C-alpha atoms as a PDB file:
ATOM      1  CA  MET A   1     -16.211  17.851   1.672  1.00  0.00           C
ATOM      2  CA  ILE A   2     -12.509  17.822   2.442  1.00  0.00           C
ATOM      3  CA  LYS A   3     -10.584  21.073   2.514  1.00  0.00           C
ATOM      4  CA  ILE A   4      -7.327  21.171   0.562  1.00  0.00           C
ATOM      5  CA  PHE A   5      -4.929  23.633   2.163  1.00  0.00           C
ATOM      6  CA  PRO A   6      -1.939  25.257   0.458  1.00  0.00           C
ATOM      7  CA  THR A   7       1.218  23.803   1.956  1.00  0.00           C
ATOM      8  CA  ASP A   8       2.199  27.139   3.509  1.00  0.00           C
ATOM      9  CA  LYS A   9      -0.777  26.688   5.865  1.00  0.00           C
ATOM     10  CA  VAL A  10       0.331  23.282   7.177  1.00  0.00           C
ATOM     11  CA  LYS A  11       2.598  24.645   9.917  1.00  0.00           C
ATOM     12  CA  ILE A  12      -0.204  26.944  11.056  1.00  0.00           C
ATOM     13  CA  LEU A  13      -2.589  24.006  11.394  1.00  0.00           C
ATOM     14  CA  ASP A  14       0.009  21.932  13.233  1.00  0.00           C
ATOM     15  CA  GLN A  15       0.964  24.746  15.607  1.00  0.00           C
ATOM     16  CA  TYR A  16      -2.655  25.531  16.451  1.00  0.00           C
ATOM     17  CA  THR A  17      -3.186  21.865  17.314  1.00  0.00           C
ATOM     18  CA  ILE A  18      -0.057  21.859  19.492  1.00  0.00           C
ATOM     19  CA  ASP A  19      -1.160  25.040  21.293  1.00  0.00           C
ATOM     20  CA  HIS A  20      -4.864  24.340  21.739  1.00  0.00           C
ATOM     21  CA  GLU A  21      -5.202  20.594  22.293  1.00  0.00           C
ATOM     22  CA  PRO A  22      -2.631  20.968  23.860  1.00  0.00           C
ATOM     23  CA  ILE A  23      -0.040  18.451  22.695  1.00  0.00           C
ATOM     24  CA  ARG A  24       3.736  18.494  22.361  1.00  0.00           C
ATOM     25  CA  SER A  25       5.216  18.613  18.880  1.00  0.00           C
ATOM     26  CA  ILE A  26       6.944  15.260  19.402  1.00  0.00           C
ATOM     27  CA  GLU A  27       3.597  13.734  20.377  1.00  0.00           C
ATOM     28  CA  LEU A  28       2.033  14.990  17.144  1.00  0.00           C
ATOM     29  CA  VAL A  29       4.880  13.318  15.242  1.00  0.00           C
ATOM     30  CA  GLU A  30       4.189  10.095  17.138  1.00  0.00           C
ATOM     31  CA  ARG A  31       0.502  10.359  16.292  1.00  0.00           C
ATOM     32  CA  ALA A  32       1.277  10.806  12.593  1.00  0.00           C
ATOM     33  CA  ALA A  33       3.781   7.945  12.631  1.00  0.00           C
ATOM     34  CA  THR A  34       1.280   5.638  14.322  1.00  0.00           C
ATOM     35  CA  ALA A  35      -1.419   6.463  11.759  1.00  0.00           C
ATOM     36  CA  PHE A  36       1.037   5.759   8.923  1.00  0.00           C
ATOM     37  CA  PHE A  37       2.214   2.559  10.639  1.00  0.00           C
ATOM     38  CA  ASN A  38      -1.357   1.233  10.965  1.00  0.00           C
ATOM     39  CA  GLU A  39      -2.102   1.813   7.279  1.00  0.00           C
ATOM     40  CA  PHE A  40       1.259   0.398   6.199  1.00  0.00           C
ATOM     41  CA  CYS A  41       0.761  -2.813   8.173  1.00  0.00           C
ATOM     42  CA  ARG A  42      -2.550  -3.420   6.419  1.00  0.00           C
ATOM     43  CA  GLU A  43      -0.826  -3.196   3.044  1.00  0.00           C
ATOM     44  CA  PHE A  44       2.563  -4.894   3.594  1.00  0.00           C
ATOM     45  CA  SER A  45       3.437  -8.121   5.362  1.00  0.00           C
ATOM     46  CA  ARG A  46       6.356  -8.785   7.678  1.00  0.00           C
ATOM     47  CA  GLN A  47       7.964 -10.806   4.894  1.00  0.00           C
ATOM     48  CA  SER A  48       8.883  -7.570   3.119  1.00  0.00           C
ATOM     49  CA  ARG A  49      12.254  -5.941   3.646  1.00  0.00           C
ATOM     50  CA  ILE A  50      11.673  -2.292   4.514  1.00  0.00           C
ATOM     51  CA  VAL A  51      14.268   0.364   3.639  1.00  0.00           C
ATOM     52  CA  ILE A  52      13.598   3.812   5.081  1.00  0.00           C
ATOM     53  CA  PHE A  53      15.195   7.040   3.834  1.00  0.00           C
ATOM     54  CA  ALA A  54      14.840   9.905   6.315  1.00  0.00           C
ATOM     55  CA  GLY A  55      15.741  13.575   5.985  1.00  0.00           C
ATOM     56  CA  GLN A  56      16.744  16.207   8.511  1.00  0.00           C
ATOM     57  CA  GLY A  57      13.370  17.850   9.099  1.00  0.00           C
ATOM     58  CA  ASN A  58      10.037  16.779  10.540  1.00  0.00           C
ATOM     59  CA  ASN A  59       9.300  14.484   7.597  1.00  0.00           C
ATOM     60  CA  GLY A  60      12.478  12.713   8.645  1.00  0.00           C
ATOM     61  CA  ALA A  61      11.212  12.691  12.231  1.00  0.00           C
ATOM     62  CA  ASP A  62       8.077  10.902  11.020  1.00  0.00           C
ATOM     63  CA  ALA A  63      10.227   8.411   9.108  1.00  0.00           C
ATOM     64  CA  LEU A  64      12.411   7.594  12.129  1.00  0.00           C
ATOM     65  CA  ALA A  65       9.365   7.149  14.356  1.00  0.00           C
ATOM     66  CA  ILE A  66       7.818   4.851  11.741  1.00  0.00           C
ATOM     67  CA  ALA A  67      11.074   2.853  11.612  1.00  0.00           C
ATOM     68  CA  ARG A  68      10.944   2.338  15.378  1.00  0.00           C
ATOM     69  CA  LEU A  69       7.311   1.225  15.288  1.00  0.00           C
ATOM     70  CA  LEU A  70       7.988  -1.235  12.463  1.00  0.00           C
ATOM     71  CA  ILE A  71      11.023  -2.697  14.246  1.00  0.00           C
ATOM     72  CA  GLU A  72       8.983  -3.149  17.414  1.00  0.00           C
ATOM     73  CA  ALA A  73       6.380  -4.967  15.275  1.00  0.00           C
ATOM     74  CA  ASP A  74       9.070  -7.384  13.999  1.00  0.00           C
ATOM     75  CA  TYR A  75       9.458  -5.995  10.473  1.00  0.00           C
ATOM     76  CA  LYS A  76      12.872  -6.243   8.835  1.00  0.00           C
ATOM     77  CA  VAL A  77      13.890  -2.583   8.660  1.00  0.00           C
ATOM     78  CA  GLU A  78      16.977  -0.724   7.443  1.00  0.00           C
ATOM     79  CA  THR A  79      17.013   3.012   8.120  1.00  0.00           C
ATOM     80  CA  TYR A  80      19.203   5.695   6.565  1.00  0.00           C
ATOM     81  CA  LEU A  81      19.160   9.190   8.061  1.00  0.00           C
ATOM     82  CA  PHE A  82      20.708  11.772   5.711  1.00  0.00           C
ATOM     83  CA  ASN A  83      22.293  14.499   7.809  1.00  0.00           C
ATOM     84  CA  PRO A  84      24.961  16.215   5.658  1.00  0.00           C
ATOM     85  CA  THR A  85      24.795  19.514   7.554  1.00  0.00           C
ATOM     86  CA  LYS A  86      24.813  17.809  10.972  1.00  0.00           C
ATOM     87  CA  HIS A  87      21.694  19.729  11.934  1.00  0.00           C
ATOM     88  CA  LEU A  88      18.388  17.998  12.619  1.00  0.00           C
ATOM     89  CA  SER A  89      15.050  19.449  13.632  1.00  0.00           C
ATOM     90  CA  LEU A  90      14.323  18.957  17.333  1.00  0.00           C
ATOM     91  CA  ASP A  91      11.725  16.259  16.693  1.00  0.00           C
ATOM     92  CA  CYS A  92      14.038  14.503  14.235  1.00  0.00           C
ATOM     93  CA  GLU A  93      16.863  14.512  16.799  1.00  0.00           C
ATOM     94  CA  LEU A  94      14.600  13.086  19.518  1.00  0.00           C
ATOM     95  CA  ASN A  95      13.449  10.286  17.215  1.00  0.00           C
ATOM     96  CA  ARG A  96      17.033   9.642  16.117  1.00  0.00           C
ATOM     97  CA  GLN A  97      17.978   9.050  19.744  1.00  0.00           C
ATOM     98  CA  GLN A  98      15.046   6.705  20.329  1.00  0.00           C
ATOM     99  CA  LEU A  99      15.839   4.680  17.220  1.00  0.00           C
ATOM    100  CA  ALA A 100      19.565   4.521  17.952  1.00  0.00           C
ATOM    101  CA  ASN A 101      18.799   3.153  21.429  1.00  0.00           C
ATOM    102  CA  LEU A 102      16.992   0.118  20.001  1.00  0.00           C
ATOM    103  CA  GLU A 103      19.290  -2.894  20.249  1.00  0.00           C
ATOM    104  CA  ASN A 104      18.109  -4.487  17.008  1.00  0.00           C
ATOM    105  CA  ALA A 105      17.908  -1.335  14.902  1.00  0.00           C
ATOM    106  CA  ASP A 106      19.765  -1.488  11.578  1.00  0.00           C
ATOM    107  CA  PHE A 107      20.368   2.259  11.514  1.00  0.00           C
ATOM    108  CA  MET A 108      22.924   4.389   9.668  1.00  0.00           C
ATOM    109  CA  GLU A 109      23.362   8.150   9.808  1.00  0.00           C
ATOM    110  CA  VAL A 110      24.776   9.436   6.522  1.00  0.00           C
ATOM    111  CA  VAL A 111      26.916  12.561   6.824  1.00  0.00           C
ATOM    112  CA  THR A 112      29.370  12.216   3.947  1.00  0.00           C
ATOM    113  CA  ASP A 113      29.757   8.973   2.011  1.00  0.00           C
ATOM    114  CA  PHE A 114      26.689   6.883   1.248  1.00  0.00           C
ATOM    115  CA  ILE A 115      26.877   3.274   0.157  1.00  0.00           C
ATOM    116  CA  PRO A 116      23.357   2.604  -1.118  1.00  0.00           C
ATOM    117  CA  PRO A 117      21.626  -0.663  -0.272  1.00  0.00           C
ATOM    118  CA  VAL A 118      20.745  -3.022  -3.102  1.00  0.00           C
ATOM    119  CA  LEU A 119      17.015  -2.672  -3.706  1.00  0.00           C
ATOM    120  CA  GLY A 120      15.012  -5.492  -5.277  1.00  0.00           C
ATOM    121  CA  GLU A 121      11.465  -5.948  -6.487  1.00  0.00           C
ATOM    122  CA  TYR A 122      10.365  -7.511  -3.194  1.00  0.00           C
ATOM    123  CA  ASP A 123      11.650  -4.608  -1.095  1.00  0.00           C
ATOM    124  CA  VAL A 124       9.611  -1.635   0.097  1.00  0.00           C
ATOM    125  CA  VAL A 125      11.117   1.842   0.322  1.00  0.00           C
ATOM    126  CA  ILE A 126       9.577   4.359   2.702  1.00  0.00           C
ATOM    127  CA  ASP A 127      10.368   7.885   1.519  1.00  0.00           C
ATOM    128  CA  GLY A 128      10.736  10.387   4.351  1.00  0.00           C
ATOM    129  CA  LEU A 129      13.397  12.687   2.924  1.00  0.00           C
ATOM    130  CA  PHE A 130      11.364  15.885   2.480  1.00  0.00           C
ATOM    131  CA  GLY A 131       7.826  16.964   3.311  1.00  0.00           C
ATOM    132  CA  SER A 132       5.322  19.463   1.994  1.00  0.00           C
ATOM    133  CA  GLY A 133       7.355  22.522   2.987  1.00  0.00           C
ATOM    134  CA  LEU A 134       9.839  22.077   0.139  1.00  0.00           C
ATOM    135  CA  ASN A 135       9.932  25.083  -2.220  1.00  0.00           C
ATOM    136  CA  ARG A 136      12.982  24.521  -4.446  1.00  0.00           C
ATOM    137  CA  PRO A 137      14.172  21.584  -6.582  1.00  0.00           C
ATOM    138  CA  LEU A 138      16.398  18.994  -4.959  1.00  0.00           C
ATOM    139  CA  THR A 139      20.054  19.101  -5.962  1.00  0.00           C
ATOM    140  CA  GLY A 140      23.336  17.399  -5.090  1.00  0.00           C
ATOM    141  CA  GLY A 141      23.294  14.333  -2.899  1.00  0.00           C
ATOM    142  CA  PHE A 142      19.572  14.418  -2.191  1.00  0.00           C
ATOM    143  CA  SER A 143      18.809  14.500  -5.914  1.00  0.00           C
ATOM    144  CA  SER A 144      21.130  11.504  -6.368  1.00  0.00           C
ATOM    145  CA  VAL A 145      19.318   9.554  -3.642  1.00  0.00           C
ATOM    146  CA  VAL A 146      15.968  10.273  -5.291  1.00  0.00           C
ATOM    147  CA  LYS A 147      17.276   9.079  -8.660  1.00  0.00           C
ATOM    148  CA  TYR A 148      18.640   5.942  -7.017  1.00  0.00           C
ATOM    149  CA  ILE A 149      15.238   5.180  -5.491  1.00  0.00           C
ATOM    150  CA  ASN A 150      13.488   5.779  -8.808  1.00  0.00           C
ATOM    151  CA  GLN A 151      15.736   3.465 -10.806  1.00  0.00           C
ATOM    152  CA  SER A 152      15.139   0.576  -8.396  1.00  0.00           C
ATOM    153  CA  ASP A 153      12.444  -2.087  -8.712  1.00  0.00           C
ATOM    154  CA  ALA A 154      11.297  -1.634  -5.111  1.00  0.00           C
ATOM    155  CA  ARG A 155       7.820  -0.460  -4.231  1.00  0.00           C
ATOM    156  CA  VAL A 156       7.909   3.072  -2.864  1.00  0.00           C
ATOM    157  CA  VAL A 157       5.629   4.501  -0.171  1.00  0.00           C
ATOM    158  CA  ALA A 158       5.811   8.254   0.493  1.00  0.00           C
ATOM    159  CA  ILE A 159       5.189   9.883   3.857  1.00  0.00           C
ATOM    160  CA  ASP A 160       2.699  12.739   3.353  1.00  0.00           C
ATOM    161  CA  ILE A 161       4.074  13.767  -0.075  1.00  0.00           C
ATOM    162  CA  PRO A 162       6.733  12.329  -2.404  1.00  0.00           C
ATOM    163  CA  SER A 163      10.102  13.959  -1.704  1.00  0.00           C
ATOM    164  CA  GLY A 164      10.934  16.684  -4.207  1.00  0.00           C
ATOM    165  CA  LEU A 165       7.318  17.359  -5.171  1.00  0.00           C
ATOM    166  CA  PHE A 166       5.979  20.835  -4.417  1.00  0.00           C
ATOM    167  CA  GLY A 167       2.524  20.934  -2.875  1.00  0.00           C
ATOM    168  CA  GLU A 168       1.052  23.137  -5.603  1.00  0.00           C
ATOM    169  CA  ASP A 169       2.913  24.454  -8.662  1.00  0.00           C
ATOM    170  CA  ASN A 170       5.675  22.221 -10.058  1.00  0.00           C
ATOM    171  CA  ARG A 171       6.281  23.997 -13.364  1.00  0.00           C
ATOM    172  CA  ASN A 172       9.756  25.132 -12.269  1.00  0.00           C
ATOM    173  CA  ASN A 173      10.620  21.860 -10.550  1.00  0.00           C
ATOM    174  CA  ASP A 174      13.157  19.258 -11.709  1.00  0.00           C
ATOM    175  CA  PRO A 175      11.128  16.172 -12.732  1.00  0.00           C
ATOM    176  CA  GLU A 176      14.187  13.923 -12.402  1.00  0.00           C
ATOM    177  CA  SER A 177      14.593  14.882  -8.733  1.00  0.00           C
ATOM    178  CA  ILE A 178      11.119  13.874  -7.522  1.00  0.00           C
ATOM    179  CA  VAL A 179      10.438  10.508  -5.919  1.00  0.00           C
ATOM    180  CA  ARG A 180       8.109   8.339  -7.981  1.00  0.00           C
ATOM    181  CA  ALA A 181       5.948   6.735  -5.315  1.00  0.00           C
ATOM    182  CA  ASP A 182       3.612   3.813  -5.823  1.00  0.00           C
ATOM    183  CA  LEU A 183       1.596   4.836  -2.773  1.00  0.00           C
ATOM    184  CA  THR A 184       1.348   8.078  -0.799  1.00  0.00           C
ATOM    185  CA  TYR A 185      -0.170   8.378   2.673  1.00  0.00           C
ATOM    186  CA  SER A 186      -1.025  12.057   3.084  1.00  0.00           C
ATOM    187  CA  PHE A 187      -1.647  13.422   6.569  1.00  0.00           C
ATOM    188  CA  GLU A 188      -5.161  14.733   7.243  1.00  0.00           C
ATOM    189  CA  PHE A 189      -5.864  16.140   3.754  1.00  0.00           C
ATOM    190  CA  PRO A 190      -4.527  15.718   0.198  1.00  0.00           C
ATOM    191  CA  LYS A 191      -2.190  18.207  -1.462  1.00  0.00           C
ATOM    192  CA  LEU A 192      -3.378  20.200  -4.470  1.00  0.00           C
ATOM    193  CA  ALA A 193      -0.576  18.688  -6.586  1.00  0.00           C
ATOM    194  CA  PHE A 194      -2.206  15.259  -6.209  1.00  0.00           C
ATOM    195  CA  PHE A 195      -5.052  16.348  -8.489  1.00  0.00           C
ATOM    196  CA  LEU A 196      -2.905  17.470 -11.417  1.00  0.00           C
ATOM    197  CA  PRO A 197      -2.374  14.792 -14.092  1.00  0.00           C
ATOM    198  CA  GLU A 198       1.294  15.632 -14.656  1.00  0.00           C
ATOM    199  CA  ASN A 199       2.018  14.563 -11.056  1.00  0.00           C
ATOM    200  CA  ALA A 200       0.340  11.158 -11.211  1.00  0.00           C
ATOM    201  CA  GLU A 201       3.627   9.341 -11.854  1.00  0.00           C
ATOM    202  CA  TYR A 202       5.071  10.763  -8.629  1.00  0.00           C
ATOM    203  CA  VAL A 203       2.104  10.382  -6.280  1.00  0.00           C
ATOM    204  CA  GLY A 204       0.841   6.943  -7.363  1.00  0.00           C
ATOM    205  CA  LYS A 205      -2.205   5.853  -5.416  1.00  0.00           C
ATOM    206  CA  TRP A 206      -2.870   8.132  -2.486  1.00  0.00           C
ATOM    207  CA  LYS A 207      -4.881   8.008   0.692  1.00  0.00           C
ATOM    208  CA  THR A 208      -5.429  10.550   3.454  1.00  0.00           C
ATOM    209  CA  ILE A 209      -4.940   9.418   7.048  1.00  0.00           C
ATOM    210  CA  GLU A 210      -6.204  11.343  10.049  1.00  0.00           C
ATOM    211  CA  ILE A 211      -3.668  12.510  12.618  1.00  0.00           C
ATOM    212  CA  GLY A 212      -5.972  14.608  14.778  1.00  0.00           C
ATOM    213  CA  ILE A 213      -5.419  18.152  13.532  1.00  0.00           C
ATOM    214  CA  HIS A 214      -7.638  20.395  15.679  1.00  0.00           C
ATOM    215  CA  PRO A 215     -11.109  20.656  14.037  1.00  0.00           C
ATOM    216  CA  GLU A 216     -11.457  24.347  14.948  1.00  0.00           C
ATOM    217  CA  ILE A 217      -8.478  25.444  12.872  1.00  0.00           C
ATOM    218  CA  ILE A 218      -9.591  23.297   9.942  1.00  0.00           C
ATOM    219  CA  GLU A 219     -13.035  24.902  10.099  1.00  0.00           C
ATOM    220  CA  GLU A 220     -11.765  28.454  10.544  1.00  0.00           C
ATOM    221  CA  THR A 221      -8.918  28.482   8.018  1.00  0.00           C
ATOM    222  CA  PRO A 222     -10.127  29.564   4.562  1.00  0.00           C
ATOM    223  CA  THR A 223      -8.991  27.813   1.398  1.00  0.00           C
ATOM    224  CA  PRO A 224     -10.110  28.133  -2.227  1.00  0.00           C
ATOM    225  CA  TYR A 225      -9.852  24.350  -2.723  1.00  0.00           C
ATOM    226  CA  ILE A 226     -12.158  21.565  -1.613  1.00  0.00           C
ATOM    227  CA  MET A 227     -12.604  17.937  -2.605  1.00  0.00           C
ATOM    228  CA  ILE A 228     -16.129  16.604  -3.058  1.00  0.00           C
ATOM    229  CA  THR A 229     -16.448  13.092  -1.635  1.00  0.00           C
ATOM    230  CA  GLU A 230     -18.786  10.228  -2.469  1.00  0.00           C
ATOM    231  CA  GLU A 231     -20.579  10.924   0.800  1.00  0.00           C
ATOM    232  CA  ASP A 232     -21.298  14.489  -0.319  1.00  0.00           C
ATOM    233  CA  ILE A 233     -22.763  13.273  -3.602  1.00  0.00           C
ATOM    234  CA  ALA A 234     -24.793  10.526  -1.940  1.00  0.00           C
ATOM    235  CA  GLU A 235     -26.644  13.096   0.156  1.00  0.00           C
ATOM    236  CA  SER A 236     -27.880  14.773  -3.037  1.00  0.00           C
ATOM    237  CA  ILE A 237     -29.314  11.601  -4.573  1.00  0.00           C
ATOM    238  CA  VAL A 238     -32.956  11.019  -3.692  1.00  0.00           C
ATOM    239  CA  PRO A 239     -33.727   7.350  -2.904  1.00  0.00           C
ATOM    240  CA  ARG A 240     -35.892   5.802  -5.620  1.00  0.00           C
ATOM    241  CA  PRO A 241     -38.559   3.122  -5.198  1.00  0.00           C
ATOM    242  CA  ARG A 242     -37.760  -0.264  -6.694  1.00  0.00           C
ATOM    243  CA  PHE A 243     -40.449   0.059  -9.377  1.00  0.00           C
ATOM    244  CA  ALA A 244     -39.816   3.693 -10.247  1.00  0.00           C
ATOM    245  CA  HIS A 245     -39.817   4.742 -13.918  1.00  0.00           C
ATOM    246  CA  LYS A 246     -38.972   7.805 -15.981  1.00  0.00           C
ATOM    247  CA  GLY A 247     -42.523   9.098 -16.011  1.00  0.00           C
ATOM    248  CA  ILE A 248     -42.562  10.047 -12.337  1.00  0.00           C
ATOM    249  CA  PHE A 249     -39.338  12.030 -12.026  1.00  0.00           C
ATOM    250  CA  GLY A 250     -40.211  15.126 -14.016  1.00  0.00           C
ATOM    251  CA  HIS A 251     -38.837  16.342 -17.323  1.00  0.00           C
ATOM    252  CA  ALA A 252     -35.647  17.979 -18.547  1.00  0.00           C
ATOM    253  CA  LEU A 253     -35.131  20.530 -21.303  1.00  0.00           C
ATOM    254  CA  LEU A 254     -31.613  20.441 -22.728  1.00  0.00           C
ATOM    255  CA  ILE A 255     -30.403  23.470 -24.650  1.00  0.00           C
ATOM    256  CA  ALA A 256     -26.847  22.726 -25.753  1.00  0.00           C
ATOM    257  CA  GLY A 257     -24.492  22.287 -28.656  1.00  0.00           C
ATOM    258  CA  SER A 258     -24.025  23.922 -32.025  1.00  0.00           C
ATOM    259  CA  SER A 259     -23.250  22.709 -35.510  1.00  0.00           C
ATOM    260  CA  GLY A 260     -20.719  19.894 -35.213  1.00  0.00           C
ATOM    261  CA  LYS A 261     -20.544  20.207 -31.406  1.00  0.00           C
ATOM    262  CA  MET A 262     -23.226  17.979 -29.971  1.00  0.00           C
ATOM    263  CA  GLY A 263     -21.107  15.999 -27.496  1.00  0.00           C
ATOM    264  CA  ALA A 264     -22.303  17.815 -24.376  1.00  0.00           C
ATOM    265  CA  ALA A 265     -25.938  17.485 -25.459  1.00  0.00           C
ATOM    266  CA  VAL A 266     -25.528  13.727 -26.055  1.00  0.00           C
ATOM    267  CA  LEU A 267     -23.859  13.176 -22.700  1.00  0.00           C
ATOM    268  CA  ALA A 268     -26.499  15.186 -20.837  1.00  0.00           C
ATOM    269  CA  ALA A 269     -29.294  13.335 -22.598  1.00  0.00           C
ATOM    270  CA  ARG A 270     -27.778   9.967 -21.752  1.00  0.00           C
ATOM    271  CA  ALA A 271     -27.431  11.045 -18.116  1.00  0.00           C
ATOM    272  CA  CYS A 272     -31.107  12.002 -18.014  1.00  0.00           C
END
């Protein structure tokens, strides 16, 4: 079983890991970026042009670290850091400095005017604008960037969660200001929003990647949500001999349905 934590618990899990492993915050960012990088390289070749959009927070820090790793691996990378308030998180600032110091980095910090790159069907966008801590709809310039990404033909890969998507309840969100990802790599565990059908067009295919969150805090932190995995189900299935038949596995009594409502009874009988 995989626990699914509300997004307001994510910082608690991260901080516990930082305090008790112990590990510096910037090292946890590097660990997450490396895990994303490894998965990304399995999916996309070096022939692809990679365009990275990074925000001012720790999701942006992940994006900048990923940009550096991809450049060092000889990918063609263009990186845009959106910093309209001229205030970055500490980890984002540290990764900005590392990326800016690379001689071959195609890197632009956007403070006011933004001239968007032309995105084609063979390009890959990495979305690192906002993470799971977002709690209000995107507006202004960030909303415009999201809409620009969505109207392009490029494939879109989201870091942890598509920018603009809330981790749980999106009923009061602006659907036009949410990145529509083709693929989402979620750190350590999926977000509850991934399981709701109305969010499928934003999340695309998704996969969880381990970044080494401390197992004690995962075990000790309660959550009302869990995901049952194939491994969990497999443990409940008793192995059957090759020549087994229905006569040796007991009997079932099905009491279900009413007039005109026999669907559940039919399905259960077929399963038996």
